[in-house]
Amino acid sequence: MPSPPTDPVRIPDKLYFRISEVSRLTGVKAYVLRYWETEFPRIAPKKSGTGQRLYRRKDVELILEVKHLLYEKRFTIEGARRLLGQRRRIEAKPEPATQTPLFDPQSGVLKQIRNELAGIIEILR
């Protein structure tokens, strides 16, 4: 779970933000945002047809988290990158399978479905 910044930023409900908007929202200069793109691969704005950077909401949220780690928590870039990578691995770790399967392979459900599909194919011919 990301660490909340000390002063929460209200991100407008938009699909894309230009670099100047992200800079204004986050308080991070545009050249620093471009540098962070090289250091944090998850900050990956799309490019418009004219080559302008278009950041998504998740990019802006990640930039705010990076800013918090670097400026408030005093992490190094390497330390922030490592922490974010660990968090991502933890978030991506699948939950243990606790649900029962939708059907029992021994029950013949697959055979019944196969027969019904064969019937549909015959009708379509």
C-alpha atoms as a PDB file:
ATOM      1  CA  MET A   1       0.000   0.000   0.000  1.00  0.00           C
ATOM      2  CA  PRO A   2       1.489   3.346  -1.002  1.00  0.00           C
ATOM      3  CA  SER A   3       2.534   5.758   1.724  1.00  0.00           C
ATOM      4  CA  PRO A   4       0.215   8.750   1.754  1.00  0.00           C
ATOM      5  CA  PRO A   5       1.904  12.091   1.174  1.00  0.00           C
ATOM      6  CA  THR A   6       1.718  14.531   4.066  1.00  0.00           C
ATOM      7  CA  ASP A   7      -0.316  17.032   2.017  1.00  0.00           C
ATOM      8  CA  PRO A   8      -2.821  15.071  -0.105  1.00  0.00           C
ATOM      9  CA  VAL A   9      -3.065  16.230  -3.705  1.00  0.00           C
ATOM     10  CA  ARG A  10      -6.439  16.266  -5.399  1.00  0.00           C
ATOM     11  CA  ILE A  11      -5.957  14.735  -8.844  1.00  0.00           C
ATOM     12  CA  PRO A  12      -8.644  15.830 -11.326  1.00  0.00           C
ATOM     13  CA  ASP A  13     -10.785  13.108 -12.876  1.00  0.00           C
ATOM     14  CA  LYS A  14      -9.178  13.015 -16.341  1.00  0.00           C
ATOM     15  CA  LEU A  15      -7.770  10.300 -18.552  1.00  0.00           C
ATOM     16  CA  TYR A  16      -4.531  12.053 -19.436  1.00  0.00           C
ATOM     17  CA  PHE A  17      -2.403  14.876 -18.069  1.00  0.00           C
ATOM     18  CA  ARG A  18       0.274  16.840 -19.892  1.00  0.00           C
ATOM     19  CA  ILE A  19       3.688  17.183 -18.310  1.00  0.00           C
ATOM     20  CA  SER A  20       2.984  20.814 -17.350  1.00  0.00           C
ATOM     21  CA  GLU A  21      -0.179  19.735 -15.505  1.00  0.00           C
ATOM     22  CA  VAL A  22       1.657  16.934 -13.704  1.00  0.00           C
ATOM     23  CA  SER A  23       4.430  19.351 -12.766  1.00  0.00           C
ATOM     24  CA  ARG A  24       1.905  21.816 -11.332  1.00  0.00           C
ATOM     25  CA  LEU A  25      -0.080  19.090  -9.496  1.00  0.00           C
ATOM     26  CA  THR A  26       2.940  17.395  -7.959  1.00  0.00           C
ATOM     27  CA  GLY A  27       5.256  20.347  -7.469  1.00  0.00           C
ATOM     28  CA  VAL A  28       7.996  18.539  -9.405  1.00  0.00           C
ATOM     29  CA  LYS A  29       9.763  20.312 -12.282  1.00  0.00           C
ATOM     30  CA  ALA A  30       9.236  18.897 -15.783  1.00  0.00           C
ATOM     31  CA  TYR A  31      12.926  18.059 -16.244  1.00  0.00           C
ATOM     32  CA  VAL A  32      12.845  16.069 -12.977  1.00  0.00           C
ATOM     33  CA  LEU A  33       9.765  14.157 -14.191  1.00  0.00           C
ATOM     34  CA  ARG A  34      11.602  13.277 -17.416  1.00  0.00           C
ATOM     35  CA  TYR A  35      14.600  12.114 -15.380  1.00  0.00           C
ATOM     36  CA  TRP A  36      12.410  10.005 -13.090  1.00  0.00           C
ATOM     37  CA  GLU A  37      11.014   8.267 -16.185  1.00  0.00           C
ATOM     38  CA  THR A  38      14.515   6.932 -16.823  1.00  0.00           C
ATOM     39  CA  GLU A  39      15.017   5.861 -13.195  1.00  0.00           C
ATOM     40  CA  PHE A  40      11.554   4.397 -12.485  1.00  0.00           C
ATOM     41  CA  PRO A  41      10.338   2.276 -15.412  1.00  0.00           C
ATOM     42  CA  ARG A  42       6.775   2.190 -14.033  1.00  0.00           C
ATOM     43  CA  ILE A  43       6.510   5.931 -14.734  1.00  0.00           C
ATOM     44  CA  ALA A  44       5.765   5.498 -18.415  1.00  0.00           C
ATOM     45  CA  PRO A  45       3.623   8.199 -19.990  1.00  0.00           C
ATOM     46  CA  LYS A  46       2.166   7.550 -23.397  1.00  0.00           C
ATOM     47  CA  LYS A  47       3.245   9.812 -26.238  1.00  0.00           C
ATOM     48  CA  SER A  48       0.776  11.722 -28.397  1.00  0.00           C
ATOM     49  CA  GLY A  49       1.115  11.847 -32.164  1.00  0.00           C
ATOM     50  CA  THR A  50       3.170  15.019 -31.726  1.00  0.00           C
ATOM     51  CA  GLY A  51       5.441  13.362 -29.156  1.00  0.00           C
ATOM     52  CA  GLN A  52       3.950  15.098 -26.121  1.00  0.00           C
ATOM     53  CA  ARG A  53       3.936  13.087 -22.884  1.00  0.00           C
ATOM     54  CA  LEU A  54       0.490  12.037 -21.673  1.00  0.00           C
ATOM     55  CA  TYR A  55       0.495  10.807 -18.078  1.00  0.00           C
ATOM     56  CA  ARG A  56      -2.295   8.639 -16.688  1.00  0.00           C
ATOM     57  CA  ARG A  57      -3.691   8.929 -13.177  1.00  0.00           C
ATOM     58  CA  LYS A  58      -1.605   5.946 -12.021  1.00  0.00           C
ATOM     59  CA  ASP A  59       1.526   7.725 -13.286  1.00  0.00           C
ATOM     60  CA  VAL A  60       0.636  10.850 -11.293  1.00  0.00           C
ATOM     61  CA  GLU A  61      -0.035   8.763  -8.167  1.00  0.00           C
ATOM     62  CA  LEU A  62       3.298   6.995  -8.590  1.00  0.00           C
ATOM     63  CA  ILE A  63       5.093  10.323  -9.075  1.00  0.00           C
ATOM     64  CA  LEU A  64       3.562  11.569  -5.822  1.00  0.00           C
ATOM     65  CA  GLU A  65       4.754   8.421  -4.072  1.00  0.00           C
ATOM     66  CA  VAL A  66       8.282   8.772  -5.511  1.00  0.00           C
ATOM     67  CA  LYS A  67       8.323  12.415  -4.427  1.00  0.00           C
ATOM     68  CA  HIS A  68       7.254  11.390  -0.917  1.00  0.00           C
ATOM     69  CA  LEU A  69       9.969   8.739  -0.702  1.00  0.00           C
ATOM     70  CA  LEU A  70      12.731  10.969  -2.050  1.00  0.00           C
ATOM     71  CA  TYR A  71      11.907  14.336  -0.522  1.00  0.00           C
ATOM     72  CA  GLU A  72      10.152  13.478   2.741  1.00  0.00           C
ATOM     73  CA  LYS A  73      11.465  10.028   3.665  1.00  0.00           C
ATOM     74  CA  ARG A  74      14.937  10.910   2.281  1.00  0.00           C
ATOM     75  CA  PHE A  75      15.359   7.685   0.279  1.00  0.00           C
ATOM     76  CA  THR A  76      17.996   7.465  -2.417  1.00  0.00           C
ATOM     77  CA  ILE A  77      16.722   6.834  -5.931  1.00  0.00           C
ATOM     78  CA  GLU A  78      18.018   3.263  -5.718  1.00  0.00           C
ATOM     79  CA  GLY A  79      16.349   2.769  -2.335  1.00  0.00           C
ATOM     80  CA  ALA A  80      13.021   4.145  -3.592  1.00  0.00           C
ATOM     81  CA  ARG A  81      13.222   1.960  -6.715  1.00  0.00           C
ATOM     82  CA  ARG A  82      13.932  -1.110  -4.573  1.00  0.00           C
ATOM     83  CA  LEU A  83      11.062  -0.357  -2.164  1.00  0.00           C
ATOM     84  CA  LEU A  84       8.586   0.220  -4.989  1.00  0.00           C
ATOM     85  CA  GLY A  85       9.725  -3.025  -6.640  1.00  0.00           C
ATOM     86  CA  GLN A  86       9.189  -4.948  -3.405  1.00  0.00           C
ATOM     87  CA  ARG A  87       5.732  -3.440  -2.968  1.00  0.00           C
ATOM     88  CA  ARG A  88       4.822  -4.339  -6.516  1.00  0.00           C
ATOM     89  CA  ARG A  89       5.922  -7.946  -6.015  1.00  0.00           C
ATOM     90  CA  ILE A  90       3.896  -8.171  -2.808  1.00  0.00           C
ATOM     91  CA  GLU A  91       0.809  -6.697  -4.533  1.00  0.00           C
ATOM     92  CA  ALA A  92       1.222  -9.028  -7.511  1.00  0.00           C
ATOM     93  CA  LYS A  93       1.658 -12.153  -5.407  1.00  0.00           C
ATOM     94  CA  PRO A  94      -1.379 -14.355  -6.064  1.00  0.00           C
ATOM     95  CA  GLU A  95      -3.583 -15.365  -3.183  1.00  0.00           C
ATOM     96  CA  PRO A  96      -3.502 -19.080  -2.341  1.00  0.00           C
ATOM     97  CA  ALA A  97      -6.263 -20.979  -4.074  1.00  0.00           C
ATOM     98  CA  THR A  98      -9.022 -21.277  -1.511  1.00  0.00           C
ATOM     99  CA  GLN A  99     -11.948 -21.521  -3.876  1.00  0.00           C
ATOM    100  CA  THR A 100     -13.280 -24.829  -5.061  1.00  0.00           C
ATOM    101  CA  PRO A 101     -13.157 -25.480  -8.792  1.00  0.00           C
ATOM    102  CA  LEU A 102     -16.244 -24.535 -10.805  1.00  0.00           C
ATOM    103  CA  PHE A 103     -16.790 -28.169 -11.707  1.00  0.00           C
ATOM    104  CA  ASP A 104     -15.384 -31.558 -10.887  1.00  0.00           C
ATOM    105  CA  PRO A 105     -13.471 -32.917 -13.895  1.00  0.00           C
ATOM    106  CA  GLN A 106     -14.667 -36.397 -12.987  1.00  0.00           C
ATOM    107  CA  SER A 107     -18.362 -35.403 -13.089  1.00  0.00           C
ATOM    108  CA  GLY A 108     -18.700 -35.570 -16.870  1.00  0.00           C
ATOM    109  CA  VAL A 109     -19.547 -31.890 -17.283  1.00  0.00           C
ATOM    110  CA  LEU A 110     -16.857 -31.488 -19.935  1.00  0.00           C
ATOM    111  CA  LYS A 111     -18.231 -34.439 -21.889  1.00  0.00           C
ATOM    112  CA  GLN A 112     -21.739 -32.960 -21.716  1.00  0.00           C
ATOM    113  CA  ILE A 113     -20.476 -29.571 -22.932  1.00  0.00           C
ATOM    114  CA  ARG A 114     -18.527 -31.232 -25.745  1.00  0.00           C
ATOM    115  CA  ASN A 115     -21.653 -33.123 -26.875  1.00  0.00           C
ATOM    116  CA  GLU A 116     -23.770 -29.944 -26.802  1.00  0.00           C
ATOM    117  CA  LEU A 117     -21.167 -28.053 -28.844  1.00  0.00           C
ATOM    118  CA  ALA A 118     -21.048 -30.901 -31.375  1.00  0.00           C
ATOM    119  CA  GLY A 119     -24.840 -30.634 -31.659  1.00  0.00           C
ATOM    120  CA  ILE A 120     -24.615 -26.895 -32.300  1.00  0.00           C
ATOM    121  CA  ILE A 121     -21.977 -27.469 -34.978  1.00  0.00           C
ATOM    122  CA  GLU A 122     -24.279 -29.988 -36.698  1.00  0.00           C
ATOM    123  CA  ILE A 123     -27.164 -27.487 -36.658  1.00  0.00           C
ATOM    124  CA  LEU A 124     -24.934 -24.806 -38.212  1.00  0.00           C
ATOM    125  CA  ARG A 125     -23.798 -27.043 -41.066  1.00  0.00           C
END
